[in-house]
């Protein structure tokens, strides 16, 4: 069955919004998404965590920031995902001389008719790869971030909605700072997830050599799901149940990044219950947007696991990528080489789990 006809079947057979979800319904809607994951695996060796995070972004409509050194297949992963999803895809290479009009579009003058006509930019696509986003100046970054937040673009006097789904997958290089424009913390908060991409293992690198070690590597990726199937899966993800205690746990995690003293957390050495807490290592905790992102991404993780309910394990699985870019460490923490990842890990280890 083709992705298009299968999506019609899924939408026609979707359960009522008030009906409880069962394992069969979850599996029926999750099967095409898992097939997308398998298709991407034909091109990408390892990096299962990165692929899973991208799928969570797709299932929730949340934008994803990928951080890693060059050559770790970030771009190839995103382009392979677009091919497997049969979605419109545009790659934008960010450079210091890029202009906002190069991104969103502009008005073109027609001398024959004496009028201006809009020419839409590459941002009008389902999947946008913003490659090396930190190489573009602030006004270009702002144009993209506005489109991410508002899901629309204004060209001249007209406002144009962006396609649905619309997802920005941005990459940035963490080791080279000369000639770059780092994203301000307030703008990084627009990304639901920040994924750190690491090196492959030795065995994985050997597989990469076998698969890609030619001038024309054969990568056969076919469309495994349609955009309509993705939208149908999103509607189902929104109905994944979150128990009241799990919601309280999410709020506790986020609140602990702002007021560790209330939870008797010793962020200095990770040992709880010593009667003191060191809040000087965190300048700013996570925003309420982090709580919403925890709920959305936890639901998507449960969906990929085939469950109709969220567990604390789902929350812990996605918490690092939701919180790491929203916890701003202090100068003291930087001087002592304590990272936001370490602080988030200590919070996850010591906030009581329901």
Protein backbone atom coordinates (compact mmCIF):
# COMPACT_ATOMS: atom_id res chain seq x y z
CA UNK A 1 0.00 0.00 0.00
CA UNK A 2 1.36 3.44 -0.93
CA UNK A 3 1.91 6.09 1.78
CA UNK A 4 -0.91 8.21 0.35
CA UNK A 5 -3.56 5.46 0.31
CA UNK A 6 -2.39 4.22 3.68
CA UNK A 7 -2.74 7.70 5.15
CA UNK A 8 -6.34 7.87 3.89
CA UNK A 9 -7.01 4.57 5.64
CA UNK A 10 -5.43 5.79 8.88
CA UNK A 11 -7.36 9.05 8.89
CA UNK A 12 -10.61 7.25 8.09
CA UNK A 13 -10.06 4.75 10.89
CA UNK A 14 -8.78 7.20 13.50
CA UNK A 15 -10.34 6.68 16.94
CA UNK A 16 -12.65 9.28 18.40
CA UNK A 17 -10.93 12.02 20.40
CA UNK A 18 -12.69 10.99 23.60
CA UNK A 19 -12.12 7.24 23.22
CA UNK A 20 -9.32 5.62 25.25
CA UNK A 21 -6.29 4.61 23.25
CA UNK A 22 -5.25 0.99 22.99
CA UNK A 23 -2.05 -0.72 21.94
CA UNK A 24 -3.55 -1.66 18.56
CA UNK A 25 -4.38 1.96 17.70
CA UNK A 26 -0.93 3.11 18.78
CA UNK A 27 0.78 0.43 16.72
CA UNK A 28 -1.31 1.19 13.63
CA UNK A 29 -0.30 4.85 13.63
CA UNK A 30 3.28 4.25 14.79
CA UNK A 31 4.10 1.64 12.13
CA UNK A 32 4.66 4.18 9.29
CA UNK A 33 6.87 6.30 11.57
CA UNK A 34 8.97 3.27 12.49
CA UNK A 35 9.30 2.48 8.79
CA UNK A 36 10.68 6.00 8.28
CA UNK A 37 13.25 5.22 10.97
CA UNK A 38 14.25 2.04 9.14
CA UNK A 39 14.64 3.88 5.84
CA UNK A 40 16.91 6.48 7.44
CA UNK A 41 19.01 3.65 8.91
CA UNK A 42 19.84 2.59 5.34
CA UNK A 43 21.93 5.74 4.98
CA UNK A 44 22.96 6.45 8.58
CA UNK A 45 25.10 4.13 10.68
CA UNK A 46 24.52 4.55 14.39
CA UNK A 47 23.22 7.93 15.62
CA UNK A 48 19.99 6.25 16.76
CA UNK A 49 19.57 8.91 19.44
CA UNK A 50 19.76 11.74 16.93
CA UNK A 51 17.27 10.05 14.59
CA UNK A 52 14.88 9.39 17.47
CA UNK A 53 15.08 13.02 18.59
CA UNK A 54 14.29 14.18 15.06
CA UNK A 55 11.26 11.88 14.99
CA UNK A 56 10.12 13.33 18.33
CA UNK A 57 10.41 16.80 16.79
CA UNK A 58 8.35 15.68 13.80
CA UNK A 59 5.66 14.14 16.01
CA UNK A 60 5.30 17.25 18.16
CA UNK A 61 6.01 20.08 15.73
CA UNK A 62 9.01 21.10 17.81
CA UNK A 63 12.15 22.49 16.20
CA UNK A 64 15.47 20.73 16.81
CA UNK A 65 18.99 22.13 17.15
CA UNK A 66 21.82 19.69 16.36
CA UNK A 67 25.26 20.50 17.72
CA UNK A 68 28.33 18.55 16.67
CA UNK A 69 31.64 18.75 14.87
CA UNK A 70 31.65 18.52 11.06
CA UNK A 71 31.38 15.16 9.37
CA UNK A 72 28.95 13.42 11.74
CA UNK A 73 26.18 13.02 9.12
CA UNK A 74 23.88 15.68 10.54
CA UNK A 75 22.97 17.02 7.10
CA UNK A 76 22.70 13.54 5.57
CA UNK A 77 20.40 12.42 8.37
CA UNK A 78 17.99 15.30 7.86
CA UNK A 79 17.92 14.95 4.06
CA UNK A 80 17.38 11.18 4.41
CA UNK A 81 14.52 11.85 6.82
CA UNK A 82 12.85 14.16 4.30
CA UNK A 83 13.16 11.52 1.56
CA UNK A 84 11.72 8.81 3.80
CA UNK A 85 8.82 11.08 4.76
CA UNK A 86 8.05 12.22 1.22
CA UNK A 87 7.98 15.82 2.44
CA UNK A 88 9.14 19.03 0.79
CA UNK A 89 12.65 19.84 1.92
CA UNK A 90 14.98 22.83 1.57
CA UNK A 91 18.57 23.17 2.71
CA UNK A 92 19.78 26.67 3.52
CA UNK A 93 23.52 27.16 3.98
CA UNK A 94 23.88 30.03 6.44
CA UNK A 95 26.73 32.42 5.63
CA UNK A 96 27.78 35.84 6.98
CA UNK A 97 26.49 37.63 3.86
CA UNK A 98 23.02 36.01 3.94
CA UNK A 99 20.07 38.42 3.99
CA UNK A 100 16.59 37.91 5.50
CA UNK A 101 15.10 38.16 1.98
CA UNK A 102 17.26 35.19 0.93
CA UNK A 103 15.41 33.19 3.55
CA UNK A 104 11.77 34.33 3.55
CA UNK A 105 11.48 35.86 0.09
CA UNK A 106 10.88 39.34 -1.29
CA UNK A 107 8.80 41.41 -3.69
CA UNK A 108 9.86 41.39 -7.34
CA UNK A 109 8.95 44.32 -9.59
CA UNK A 110 7.23 43.50 -12.87
CA UNK A 111 8.03 46.41 -15.25
CA UNK A 112 5.51 45.25 -17.85
CA UNK A 113 2.56 45.46 -15.46
CA UNK A 114 4.08 48.00 -13.10
CA UNK A 115 3.33 45.85 -10.04
CA UNK A 116 5.20 43.96 -7.39
CA UNK A 117 4.75 40.21 -7.04
CA UNK A 118 5.91 38.10 -4.09
CA UNK A 119 8.64 35.53 -4.62
CA UNK A 120 8.62 33.10 -1.73
CA UNK A 121 11.92 32.04 -0.22
CA UNK A 122 13.19 28.56 0.67
CA UNK A 123 11.56 28.73 4.10
CA UNK A 124 8.30 27.63 2.47
CA UNK A 125 8.83 23.88 2.87
CA UNK A 126 7.90 21.14 5.34
CA UNK A 127 11.45 20.47 6.50
CA UNK A 128 14.05 23.23 6.64
CA UNK A 129 17.70 22.42 7.21
CA UNK A 130 19.36 25.55 8.58
CA UNK A 131 22.94 24.43 8.10
CA UNK A 132 25.45 26.14 10.40
CA UNK A 133 22.88 28.57 11.73
CA UNK A 134 25.50 30.33 13.85
CA UNK A 135 27.30 31.60 10.71
CA UNK A 136 24.52 34.03 9.76
CA UNK A 137 24.12 37.50 11.33
CA UNK A 138 21.49 38.21 13.95
CA UNK A 139 18.90 39.71 11.58
CA UNK A 140 18.84 36.53 9.49
CA UNK A 141 18.59 34.35 12.58
CA UNK A 142 15.73 36.53 13.81
CA UNK A 143 13.85 36.14 10.51
CA UNK A 144 14.08 32.37 10.81
CA UNK A 145 13.15 32.31 14.49
CA UNK A 146 10.10 34.50 13.81
CA UNK A 147 8.95 32.03 11.17
CA UNK A 148 9.52 29.19 13.64
CA UNK A 149 7.40 30.83 16.30
CA UNK A 150 4.60 32.38 14.22
CA UNK A 151 4.43 29.72 11.46
CA UNK A 152 3.94 32.53 8.97
CA UNK A 153 5.98 35.01 6.94
CA UNK A 154 5.18 38.58 5.95
CA UNK A 155 6.37 39.73 2.51
CA UNK A 156 5.46 43.34 1.80
CA UNK A 157 1.91 43.91 3.05
CA UNK A 158 0.82 40.28 2.83
CA UNK A 159 1.20 37.52 5.39
CA UNK A 160 1.61 33.96 4.11
CA UNK A 161 1.14 30.84 6.25
CA UNK A 162 3.93 28.28 6.19
CA UNK A 163 3.12 24.69 5.20
CA UNK A 164 1.91 22.18 7.76
CA UNK A 165 3.94 20.48 9.05
CA UNK A 166 6.74 23.05 9.28
CA UNK A 167 9.89 22.02 11.09
CA UNK A 168 13.29 23.69 11.36
CA UNK A 169 16.25 21.39 11.94
CA UNK A 170 19.30 23.56 12.56
CA UNK A 171 22.94 22.59 12.90
CA UNK A 172 25.80 24.43 14.49
CA UNK A 173 29.50 23.79 14.96
CA UNK A 174 30.59 24.03 18.62
CA UNK A 175 34.37 24.13 18.08
CA UNK A 176 34.80 27.07 15.72
CA UNK A 177 33.82 30.50 17.04
CA UNK A 178 35.72 32.83 14.71
CA UNK A 179 33.39 34.39 12.17
CA UNK A 180 30.25 33.03 13.84
CA UNK A 181 27.26 34.63 15.50
CA UNK A 182 26.24 32.44 18.47
CA UNK A 183 22.51 32.23 19.08
CA UNK A 184 21.44 34.20 22.17
CA UNK A 185 20.03 32.11 25.00
CA UNK A 186 16.55 33.62 24.57
CA UNK A 187 16.52 32.52 20.92
CA UNK A 188 17.90 29.05 21.60
CA UNK A 189 14.85 28.58 23.83
CA UNK A 190 12.72 28.49 20.64
CA UNK A 191 14.15 25.05 19.88
CA UNK A 192 12.28 22.30 21.67
CA UNK A 193 15.29 19.98 21.70
CA UNK A 194 19.03 20.51 21.61
CA UNK A 195 20.83 17.35 20.54
CA UNK A 196 24.56 16.88 20.95
CA UNK A 197 25.87 14.59 18.21
CA UNK A 198 28.89 12.51 19.17
CA UNK A 199 31.44 10.42 17.33
CA UNK A 200 30.54 6.90 16.20
CA UNK A 201 32.10 3.86 17.85
CA UNK A 202 34.96 2.01 16.18
CA UNK A 203 32.65 -0.72 14.85
CA UNK A 204 30.20 1.86 13.54
CA UNK A 205 32.96 3.76 11.81
CA UNK A 206 34.07 0.54 10.12
CA UNK A 207 30.51 0.10 8.83
CA UNK A 208 30.51 3.70 7.61
CA UNK A 209 33.69 2.98 5.65
CA UNK A 210 32.14 -0.08 4.01
CA UNK A 211 28.94 1.76 3.13
CA UNK A 212 30.25 5.18 2.11
CA UNK A 213 33.82 4.49 1.05
CA UNK A 214 33.28 5.09 -2.66
CA UNK A 215 32.90 8.11 -4.88
CA UNK A 216 29.23 7.27 -5.49
CA UNK A 217 27.81 5.43 -2.49
CA UNK A 218 24.53 3.67 -3.18
CA UNK A 219 21.89 4.97 -0.77
CA UNK A 220 18.44 3.65 -1.59
CA UNK A 221 15.80 5.44 0.47
CA UNK A 222 12.14 5.21 -0.48
CA UNK A 223 9.17 7.15 0.86
CA UNK A 224 7.85 5.19 3.84
CA UNK A 225 5.20 7.63 5.10
CA UNK A 226 3.31 10.64 3.87
CA UNK A 227 2.82 14.05 5.43
CA UNK A 228 -0.84 13.14 6.07
CA UNK A 229 0.27 10.08 8.04
CA UNK A 230 2.56 12.26 10.11
CA UNK A 231 -0.28 14.67 10.86
CA UNK A 232 -2.53 11.74 11.81
CA UNK A 233 0.16 10.44 14.16
CA UNK A 234 0.48 13.91 15.71
CA UNK A 235 -3.22 13.94 16.55
CA UNK A 236 -2.79 10.60 18.29
CA UNK A 237 0.31 11.75 20.20
CA UNK A 238 -1.70 14.64 21.63
CA UNK A 239 -4.04 12.07 23.24
CA UNK A 240 -1.33 10.08 25.02
CA UNK A 241 -2.30 10.11 28.71
CA UNK A 242 -0.12 11.82 31.33
CA UNK A 243 -0.92 10.98 34.94
CA UNK A 244 -1.20 13.81 37.46
CA UNK A 245 1.86 12.55 39.38
CA UNK A 246 3.94 12.50 36.19
CA UNK A 247 2.85 16.07 35.43
CA UNK A 248 3.93 17.07 38.93
CA UNK A 249 7.27 15.37 38.30
CA UNK A 250 7.78 17.44 35.13
CA UNK A 251 7.03 20.64 37.02
CA UNK A 252 9.40 19.62 39.82
CA UNK A 253 12.25 19.05 37.35
CA UNK A 254 11.81 22.45 35.74
CA UNK A 255 11.26 24.24 39.03
CA UNK A 256 14.41 22.63 40.45
CA UNK A 257 16.47 24.36 37.78
CA UNK A 258 15.26 27.71 39.13
CA UNK A 259 15.19 27.02 42.87
CA UNK A 260 17.45 24.05 43.72
CA UNK A 261 17.35 25.04 47.39
CA UNK A 262 13.66 24.13 47.65
CA UNK A 263 14.59 20.55 46.70
CA UNK A 264 17.68 20.42 48.95
CA UNK A 265 19.91 19.80 45.95
CA UNK A 266 23.64 20.24 46.36
CA UNK A 267 24.56 20.99 42.77
CA UNK A 268 28.18 21.43 43.76
CA UNK A 269 28.93 17.75 44.21
CA UNK A 270 25.63 16.04 43.50
CA UNK A 271 25.13 14.83 47.07
CA UNK A 272 21.59 15.56 48.32
CA UNK A 273 20.42 16.14 51.82
CA UNK A 274 23.43 17.92 53.30
CA UNK A 275 21.40 20.84 54.51
CA UNK A 276 22.73 23.31 51.98
CA UNK A 277 22.21 23.94 48.29
CA UNK A 278 24.44 25.77 45.87
CA UNK A 279 22.29 27.96 43.63
CA UNK A 280 25.26 30.04 42.51
CA UNK A 281 26.03 27.62 39.69
CA UNK A 282 22.81 28.46 37.80
CA UNK A 283 22.18 31.99 36.56
CA UNK A 284 18.79 31.28 34.97
CA UNK A 285 16.63 28.19 35.12
CA UNK A 286 14.37 26.76 32.47
CA UNK A 287 11.33 28.71 31.26
CA UNK A 288 7.71 27.44 31.30
CA UNK A 289 8.27 26.54 27.66
CA UNK A 290 10.49 23.73 29.00
CA UNK A 291 7.56 22.24 30.94
CA UNK A 292 5.41 22.22 27.81
CA UNK A 293 8.25 20.69 25.79
CA UNK A 294 8.73 17.98 28.41
CA UNK A 295 5.08 17.01 28.10
CA UNK A 296 5.07 17.02 24.30
CA UNK A 297 8.31 15.10 23.85
CA UNK A 298 7.43 12.59 26.61
CA UNK A 299 4.17 11.83 24.80
CA UNK A 300 6.06 11.32 21.53
CA UNK A 301 8.56 9.01 23.23
CA UNK A 302 5.74 6.93 24.72
CA UNK A 303 4.13 6.77 21.27
CA UNK A 304 7.35 5.46 19.71
CA UNK A 305 7.52 2.87 22.50
CA UNK A 306 3.98 1.74 21.68
CA UNK A 307 2.34 2.97 24.90
CA UNK A 308 -0.79 5.08 25.38
CA UNK A 309 0.52 6.62 28.60
CA UNK A 310 3.62 8.48 29.76
CA UNK A 311 5.94 7.05 32.41
CA UNK A 312 8.67 8.84 34.42
CA UNK A 313 11.16 6.95 32.25
CA UNK A 314 9.81 8.80 29.20
CA UNK A 315 10.37 12.09 30.99
CA UNK A 316 13.94 11.16 31.94
CA UNK A 317 14.66 9.98 28.40
CA UNK A 318 13.89 13.37 26.84
CA UNK A 319 14.69 15.69 29.77
CA UNK A 320 18.36 16.27 28.95
CA UNK A 321 17.67 17.44 25.39
CA UNK A 322 14.77 19.59 26.58
CA UNK A 323 16.64 21.25 29.46
CA UNK A 324 20.33 21.47 28.53
CA UNK A 325 19.98 24.67 26.49
CA UNK A 326 17.53 26.25 28.90
CA UNK A 327 19.71 26.01 32.03
CA UNK A 328 22.17 28.92 31.91
CA UNK A 329 25.24 28.31 34.06
CA UNK A 330 26.88 31.11 36.05
CA UNK A 331 30.37 32.51 35.61
CA UNK A 332 31.41 30.55 38.67
CA UNK A 333 30.26 27.30 37.06
CA UNK A 334 32.11 28.17 33.85
CA UNK A 335 35.28 28.90 35.82
CA UNK A 336 35.00 25.50 37.47
CA UNK A 337 34.20 23.84 34.10
CA UNK A 338 30.75 22.71 35.24
CA UNK A 339 28.40 22.38 32.28
CA UNK A 340 24.63 22.64 32.04
CA UNK A 341 24.54 18.92 31.15
CA UNK A 342 26.17 18.07 34.49
CA UNK A 343 23.71 20.24 36.41
CA UNK A 344 20.70 18.77 34.61
CA UNK A 345 22.02 15.25 35.27
CA UNK A 346 22.31 15.99 39.00
CA UNK A 347 18.77 17.32 39.05
CA UNK A 348 17.49 14.22 37.27
CA UNK A 349 19.37 12.00 39.72
CA UNK A 350 18.02 13.65 42.87
CA UNK A 351 14.49 14.93 42.21
CA UNK A 352 12.20 12.17 43.58
CA UNK A 353 10.56 10.03 40.90
CA UNK A 354 6.84 9.21 41.40
